[in-house]
């Protein structure tokens, strides 16, 4: 492939590192050669930067596999995930998943981006459903608008919730900011 083929979402190998194309624009100035200006994301570090390529500059496409994996269990510093199609179990070191530990519970499905057997990126769903394990009862008569209290969830995550939330209730939590979204009715 060459630089003119770059499209958003593609993955390329640049300096032996896999990068995802966030955006790409082809420019043909009045004078001088055409070029392609792109915004790339390093899938190892997560850093985003701009890169300019000459028109038709040869590039190597990286075929990145996207998989949904199910979290099974933890064994010391390794977290085991299962591929639901092959039932293969894959150990993932704690440092690869430490940002998501506060939302991770057994049987949860997580998205993985894998290149040549190496895990490049792990993505949690935008929302998870967690049960309240500890919460103080709301004070009687305390009806201040937007009043909150601390609550501890089944994963150990402590968040602020409205006063009406009780122990044992299931909450919808936004994994992007770690905040309470709504109470989920049990059926």
C-alpha atoms as a PDB file:
ATOM      1  CA  UNK A   1       0.000   0.000   0.000  1.00  0.00           C
ATOM      2  CA  UNK A   2       1.039   3.619  -0.249  1.00  0.00           C
ATOM      3  CA  UNK A   3       0.259   6.825   1.627  1.00  0.00           C
ATOM      4  CA  UNK A   4      -2.602   7.720  -0.763  1.00  0.00           C
ATOM      5  CA  UNK A   5      -4.471   4.613   0.509  1.00  0.00           C
ATOM      6  CA  UNK A   6      -4.562   5.782   4.159  1.00  0.00           C
ATOM      7  CA  UNK A   7      -8.054   5.818   5.658  1.00  0.00           C
ATOM      8  CA  UNK A   8      -9.363   6.331   9.169  1.00  0.00           C
ATOM      9  CA  UNK A   9      -9.242   3.111  11.237  1.00  0.00           C
ATOM     10  CA  UNK A  10      -6.453   1.454   9.206  1.00  0.00           C
ATOM     11  CA  UNK A  11      -3.337   0.211  10.970  1.00  0.00           C
ATOM     12  CA  UNK A  12       0.177   0.638   9.595  1.00  0.00           C
ATOM     13  CA  UNK A  13       3.672  -0.324  10.662  1.00  0.00           C
ATOM     14  CA  UNK A  14       5.837   2.778  11.105  1.00  0.00           C
ATOM     15  CA  UNK A  15       9.359   2.356  12.546  1.00  0.00           C
ATOM     16  CA  UNK A  16       8.396  -1.239  13.473  1.00  0.00           C
ATOM     17  CA  UNK A  17       5.565   0.022  15.715  1.00  0.00           C
ATOM     18  CA  UNK A  18       1.859  -0.449  14.975  1.00  0.00           C
ATOM     19  CA  UNK A  19      -0.081   2.809  14.543  1.00  0.00           C
ATOM     20  CA  UNK A  20      -3.785   3.378  13.911  1.00  0.00           C
ATOM     21  CA  UNK A  21      -4.797   6.090  11.425  1.00  0.00           C
ATOM     22  CA  UNK A  22      -7.173   8.513  13.137  1.00  0.00           C
ATOM     23  CA  UNK A  23      -7.535  10.811  10.141  1.00  0.00           C
ATOM     24  CA  UNK A  24      -5.850  11.387   6.816  1.00  0.00           C
ATOM     25  CA  UNK A  25      -6.001  14.196   4.236  1.00  0.00           C
ATOM     26  CA  UNK A  26      -4.494  14.310   0.754  1.00  0.00           C
ATOM     27  CA  UNK A  27      -3.119  17.756  -0.246  1.00  0.00           C
ATOM     28  CA  UNK A  28      -2.078  18.978  -3.705  1.00  0.00           C
ATOM     29  CA  UNK A  29      -0.624  22.464  -3.388  1.00  0.00           C
ATOM     30  CA  UNK A  30      -0.403  24.709  -6.451  1.00  0.00           C
ATOM     31  CA  UNK A  31       3.369  24.381  -6.436  1.00  0.00           C
ATOM     32  CA  UNK A  32       5.358  21.425  -5.239  1.00  0.00           C
ATOM     33  CA  UNK A  33       4.539  17.745  -4.875  1.00  0.00           C
ATOM     34  CA  UNK A  34       1.368  16.321  -3.357  1.00  0.00           C
ATOM     35  CA  UNK A  35       1.489  15.009   0.208  1.00  0.00           C
ATOM     36  CA  UNK A  36      -0.678  13.212   2.762  1.00  0.00           C
ATOM     37  CA  UNK A  37      -1.113  14.680   6.241  1.00  0.00           C
ATOM     38  CA  UNK A  38      -2.285  12.144   8.799  1.00  0.00           C
ATOM     39  CA  UNK A  39      -2.980  11.861  12.510  1.00  0.00           C
ATOM     40  CA  UNK A  40      -1.700   8.566  13.954  1.00  0.00           C
ATOM     41  CA  UNK A  41      -2.120   6.795  17.289  1.00  0.00           C
ATOM     42  CA  UNK A  42       0.698   4.599  18.609  1.00  0.00           C
ATOM     43  CA  UNK A  43      -1.117   1.451  19.793  1.00  0.00           C
ATOM     44  CA  UNK A  44       1.662   0.585  22.281  1.00  0.00           C
ATOM     45  CA  UNK A  45       1.807   3.900  24.133  1.00  0.00           C
ATOM     46  CA  UNK A  46      -1.503   5.519  23.150  1.00  0.00           C
ATOM     47  CA  UNK A  47       0.243   8.731  22.069  1.00  0.00           C
ATOM     48  CA  UNK A  48      -1.270  10.659  19.153  1.00  0.00           C
ATOM     49  CA  UNK A  49       0.812  12.674  16.703  1.00  0.00           C
ATOM     50  CA  UNK A  50       0.727  14.112  13.194  1.00  0.00           C
ATOM     51  CA  UNK A  51       2.805  12.647  10.383  1.00  0.00           C
ATOM     52  CA  UNK A  52       3.236  13.890   6.825  1.00  0.00           C
ATOM     53  CA  UNK A  53       4.002  11.473   3.991  1.00  0.00           C
ATOM     54  CA  UNK A  54       4.936  12.160   0.374  1.00  0.00           C
ATOM     55  CA  UNK A  55       2.180  11.179  -2.062  1.00  0.00           C
ATOM     56  CA  UNK A  56       2.406   7.491  -3.016  1.00  0.00           C
ATOM     57  CA  UNK A  57       5.101   6.847  -0.376  1.00  0.00           C
ATOM     58  CA  UNK A  58       5.201   3.088   0.255  1.00  0.00           C
ATOM     59  CA  UNK A  59       3.861   1.957   3.647  1.00  0.00           C
ATOM     60  CA  UNK A  60       3.427  -1.419   5.288  1.00  0.00           C
ATOM     61  CA  UNK A  61      -0.079  -2.268   6.466  1.00  0.00           C
ATOM     62  CA  UNK A  62      -0.328  -4.022   9.838  1.00  0.00           C
ATOM     63  CA  UNK A  63      -3.135  -6.574  10.113  1.00  0.00           C
ATOM     64  CA  UNK A  64      -4.483  -6.139  13.645  1.00  0.00           C
ATOM     65  CA  UNK A  65      -6.919  -8.722  14.959  1.00  0.00           C
ATOM     66  CA  UNK A  66      -9.858  -7.467  17.041  1.00  0.00           C
ATOM     67  CA  UNK A  67     -11.259  -9.975  19.522  1.00  0.00           C
ATOM     68  CA  UNK A  68     -13.835 -10.052  22.287  1.00  0.00           C
ATOM     69  CA  UNK A  69     -12.408 -11.954  25.262  1.00  0.00           C
ATOM     70  CA  UNK A  70     -14.138 -13.027  28.467  1.00  0.00           C
ATOM     71  CA  UNK A  71     -12.460 -12.344  31.807  1.00  0.00           C
ATOM     72  CA  UNK A  72     -12.188 -15.572  33.825  1.00  0.00           C
ATOM     73  CA  UNK A  73     -10.024 -15.127  36.915  1.00  0.00           C
ATOM     74  CA  UNK A  74      -6.911 -13.631  38.500  1.00  0.00           C
ATOM     75  CA  UNK A  75      -3.835 -15.574  39.599  1.00  0.00           C
ATOM     76  CA  UNK A  76      -1.401 -13.254  41.443  1.00  0.00           C
ATOM     77  CA  UNK A  77      -0.291 -10.679  38.799  1.00  0.00           C
ATOM     78  CA  UNK A  78      -1.864 -12.461  35.817  1.00  0.00           C
ATOM     79  CA  UNK A  79      -5.417 -12.039  34.589  1.00  0.00           C
ATOM     80  CA  UNK A  80      -6.823 -14.867  32.493  1.00  0.00           C
ATOM     81  CA  UNK A  81      -9.098 -14.195  29.536  1.00  0.00           C
ATOM     82  CA  UNK A  82     -10.803 -16.741  27.290  1.00  0.00           C
ATOM     83  CA  UNK A  83     -11.420 -16.577  23.569  1.00  0.00           C
ATOM     84  CA  UNK A  84     -15.116 -17.619  23.341  1.00  0.00           C
ATOM     85  CA  UNK A  85     -14.591 -19.179  19.880  1.00  0.00           C
ATOM     86  CA  UNK A  86     -11.547 -21.371  20.580  1.00  0.00           C
ATOM     87  CA  UNK A  87     -11.815 -21.565  24.413  1.00  0.00           C
ATOM     88  CA  UNK A  88      -8.098 -20.724  24.539  1.00  0.00           C
ATOM     89  CA  UNK A  89      -7.060 -19.013  27.784  1.00  0.00           C
ATOM     90  CA  UNK A  90      -4.681 -16.075  27.513  1.00  0.00           C
ATOM     91  CA  UNK A  91      -2.789 -14.684  30.534  1.00  0.00           C
ATOM     92  CA  UNK A  92      -2.499 -10.888  30.612  1.00  0.00           C
ATOM     93  CA  UNK A  93      -0.009  -9.178  32.968  1.00  0.00           C
ATOM     94  CA  UNK A  94      -1.467  -6.718  35.484  1.00  0.00           C
ATOM     95  CA  UNK A  95       0.357  -3.712  33.984  1.00  0.00           C
ATOM     96  CA  UNK A  96      -1.539  -4.166  30.673  1.00  0.00           C
ATOM     97  CA  UNK A  97      -4.931  -3.997  32.397  1.00  0.00           C
ATOM     98  CA  UNK A  98      -4.321  -1.894  35.533  1.00  0.00           C
ATOM     99  CA  UNK A  99      -6.437   1.033  34.242  1.00  0.00           C
ATOM    100  CA  UNK A 100      -9.511  -1.214  34.141  1.00  0.00           C
ATOM    101  CA  UNK A 101      -9.134  -3.220  37.379  1.00  0.00           C
ATOM    102  CA  UNK A 102     -11.704  -1.091  39.204  1.00  0.00           C
ATOM    103  CA  UNK A 103     -14.361  -2.091  36.624  1.00  0.00           C
ATOM    104  CA  UNK A 104     -13.323  -5.697  35.934  1.00  0.00           C
ATOM    105  CA  UNK A 105     -15.477  -8.555  37.182  1.00  0.00           C
ATOM    106  CA  UNK A 106     -15.643 -12.211  36.203  1.00  0.00           C
ATOM    107  CA  UNK A 107     -17.398 -13.124  32.935  1.00  0.00           C
ATOM    108  CA  UNK A 108     -17.126  -9.540  31.632  1.00  0.00           C
ATOM    109  CA  UNK A 109     -16.358  -9.208  27.894  1.00  0.00           C
ATOM    110  CA  UNK A 110     -13.403  -6.989  26.953  1.00  0.00           C
ATOM    111  CA  UNK A 111     -12.156  -5.913  23.490  1.00  0.00           C
ATOM    112  CA  UNK A 112      -8.563  -6.728  22.546  1.00  0.00           C
ATOM    113  CA  UNK A 113      -6.445  -5.529  19.607  1.00  0.00           C
ATOM    114  CA  UNK A 114      -3.750  -8.119  18.861  1.00  0.00           C
ATOM    115  CA  UNK A 115      -0.843  -7.940  16.381  1.00  0.00           C
ATOM    116  CA  UNK A 116       1.279 -11.047  15.775  1.00  0.00           C
ATOM    117  CA  UNK A 117       0.242 -12.551  19.126  1.00  0.00           C
ATOM    118  CA  UNK A 118       1.011  -9.399  21.132  1.00  0.00           C
ATOM    119  CA  UNK A 119      -1.786  -7.514  22.893  1.00  0.00           C
ATOM    120  CA  UNK A 120      -1.623  -3.900  21.749  1.00  0.00           C
ATOM    121  CA  UNK A 121      -4.722  -2.393  23.252  1.00  0.00           C
ATOM    122  CA  UNK A 122      -7.456  -3.393  25.674  1.00  0.00           C
ATOM    123  CA  UNK A 123     -10.803  -1.603  25.711  1.00  0.00           C
ATOM    124  CA  UNK A 124     -13.586  -1.926  28.274  1.00  0.00           C
ATOM    125  CA  UNK A 125     -17.225  -1.470  27.278  1.00  0.00           C
ATOM    126  CA  UNK A 126     -18.431   2.105  27.847  1.00  0.00           C
ATOM    127  CA  UNK A 127     -20.731   0.941  30.648  1.00  0.00           C
ATOM    128  CA  UNK A 128     -20.538  -1.852  33.248  1.00  0.00           C
ATOM    129  CA  UNK A 129     -23.115  -3.043  35.770  1.00  0.00           C
ATOM    130  CA  UNK A 130     -21.807  -3.391  39.321  1.00  0.00           C
ATOM    131  CA  UNK A 131     -23.508  -4.198  42.623  1.00  0.00           C
ATOM    132  CA  UNK A 132     -23.272  -1.931  45.682  1.00  0.00           C
ATOM    133  CA  UNK A 133     -21.599  -3.807  48.555  1.00  0.00           C
ATOM    134  CA  UNK A 134     -21.303  -0.941  51.075  1.00  0.00           C
ATOM    135  CA  UNK A 135     -23.326   2.227  51.392  1.00  0.00           C
ATOM    136  CA  UNK A 136     -24.439   4.327  54.315  1.00  0.00           C
ATOM    137  CA  UNK A 137     -28.188   4.879  54.555  1.00  0.00           C
ATOM    138  CA  UNK A 138     -29.319   8.310  53.402  1.00  0.00           C
ATOM    139  CA  UNK A 139     -30.119  10.714  56.249  1.00  0.00           C
ATOM    140  CA  UNK A 140     -33.858  11.139  56.787  1.00  0.00           C
ATOM    141  CA  UNK A 141     -35.046  14.525  55.608  1.00  0.00           C
ATOM    142  CA  UNK A 142     -31.887  15.145  53.591  1.00  0.00           C
ATOM    143  CA  UNK A 143     -33.441  16.036  50.268  1.00  0.00           C
ATOM    144  CA  UNK A 144     -30.914  18.542  48.997  1.00  0.00           C
ATOM    145  CA  UNK A 145     -30.863  18.619  45.227  1.00  0.00           C
ATOM    146  CA  UNK A 146     -27.989  16.518  43.855  1.00  0.00           C
ATOM    147  CA  UNK A 147     -26.822  15.337  47.289  1.00  0.00           C
ATOM    148  CA  UNK A 148     -24.535  12.301  47.148  1.00  0.00           C
ATOM    149  CA  UNK A 149     -22.897   9.780  49.441  1.00  0.00           C
ATOM    150  CA  UNK A 150     -19.990   7.345  48.997  1.00  0.00           C
ATOM    151  CA  UNK A 151     -20.676   3.747  47.941  1.00  0.00           C
ATOM    152  CA  UNK A 152     -18.313   0.794  47.488  1.00  0.00           C
ATOM    153  CA  UNK A 153     -19.011  -1.518  44.544  1.00  0.00           C
ATOM    154  CA  UNK A 154     -18.295  -5.259  44.161  1.00  0.00           C
ATOM    155  CA  UNK A 155     -14.924  -4.587  42.485  1.00  0.00           C
ATOM    156  CA  UNK A 156     -13.764  -2.320  45.332  1.00  0.00           C
ATOM    157  CA  UNK A 157     -14.383   0.877  43.365  1.00  0.00           C
ATOM    158  CA  UNK A 158     -15.646   3.726  45.557  1.00  0.00           C
ATOM    159  CA  UNK A 159     -17.906   6.280  43.860  1.00  0.00           C
ATOM    160  CA  UNK A 160     -20.380   8.993  44.758  1.00  0.00           C
ATOM    161  CA  UNK A 161     -24.040   7.994  44.350  1.00  0.00           C
ATOM    162  CA  UNK A 162     -27.409   9.658  45.038  1.00  0.00           C
ATOM    163  CA  UNK A 163     -28.793   9.300  48.579  1.00  0.00           C
ATOM    164  CA  UNK A 164     -31.536   6.811  47.560  1.00  0.00           C
ATOM    165  CA  UNK A 165     -29.035   4.068  46.515  1.00  0.00           C
ATOM    166  CA  UNK A 166     -28.972   1.070  48.899  1.00  0.00           C
ATOM    167  CA  UNK A 167     -26.676  -1.926  49.402  1.00  0.00           C
ATOM    168  CA  UNK A 168     -27.413  -4.802  47.023  1.00  0.00           C
ATOM    169  CA  UNK A 169     -28.617  -2.585  44.167  1.00  0.00           C
ATOM    170  CA  UNK A 170     -27.022  -2.838  40.721  1.00  0.00           C
ATOM    171  CA  UNK A 171     -25.715   0.365  39.166  1.00  0.00           C
ATOM    172  CA  UNK A 172     -24.748   1.333  35.630  1.00  0.00           C
ATOM    173  CA  UNK A 173     -21.238   2.867  35.740  1.00  0.00           C
ATOM    174  CA  UNK A 174     -19.519   4.812  32.936  1.00  0.00           C
ATOM    175  CA  UNK A 175     -16.005   3.312  32.507  1.00  0.00           C
ATOM    176  CA  UNK A 176     -14.701   6.430  30.723  1.00  0.00           C
ATOM    177  CA  UNK A 177     -15.053   8.636  33.814  1.00  0.00           C
ATOM    178  CA  UNK A 178     -15.888   6.162  36.614  1.00  0.00           C
ATOM    179  CA  UNK A 179     -19.181   7.845  37.498  1.00  0.00           C
ATOM    180  CA  UNK A 180     -22.631   6.615  38.410  1.00  0.00           C
ATOM    181  CA  UNK A 181     -25.123   6.738  35.504  1.00  0.00           C
ATOM    182  CA  UNK A 182     -28.297   5.103  36.789  1.00  0.00           C
ATOM    183  CA  UNK A 183     -29.807   2.413  38.979  1.00  0.00           C
ATOM    184  CA  UNK A 184     -30.687  -0.834  37.184  1.00  0.00           C
ATOM    185  CA  UNK A 185     -33.964  -2.552  38.013  1.00  0.00           C
ATOM    186  CA  UNK A 186     -33.684  -6.211  38.935  1.00  0.00           C
ATOM    187  CA  UNK A 187     -35.999  -8.486  36.970  1.00  0.00           C
END
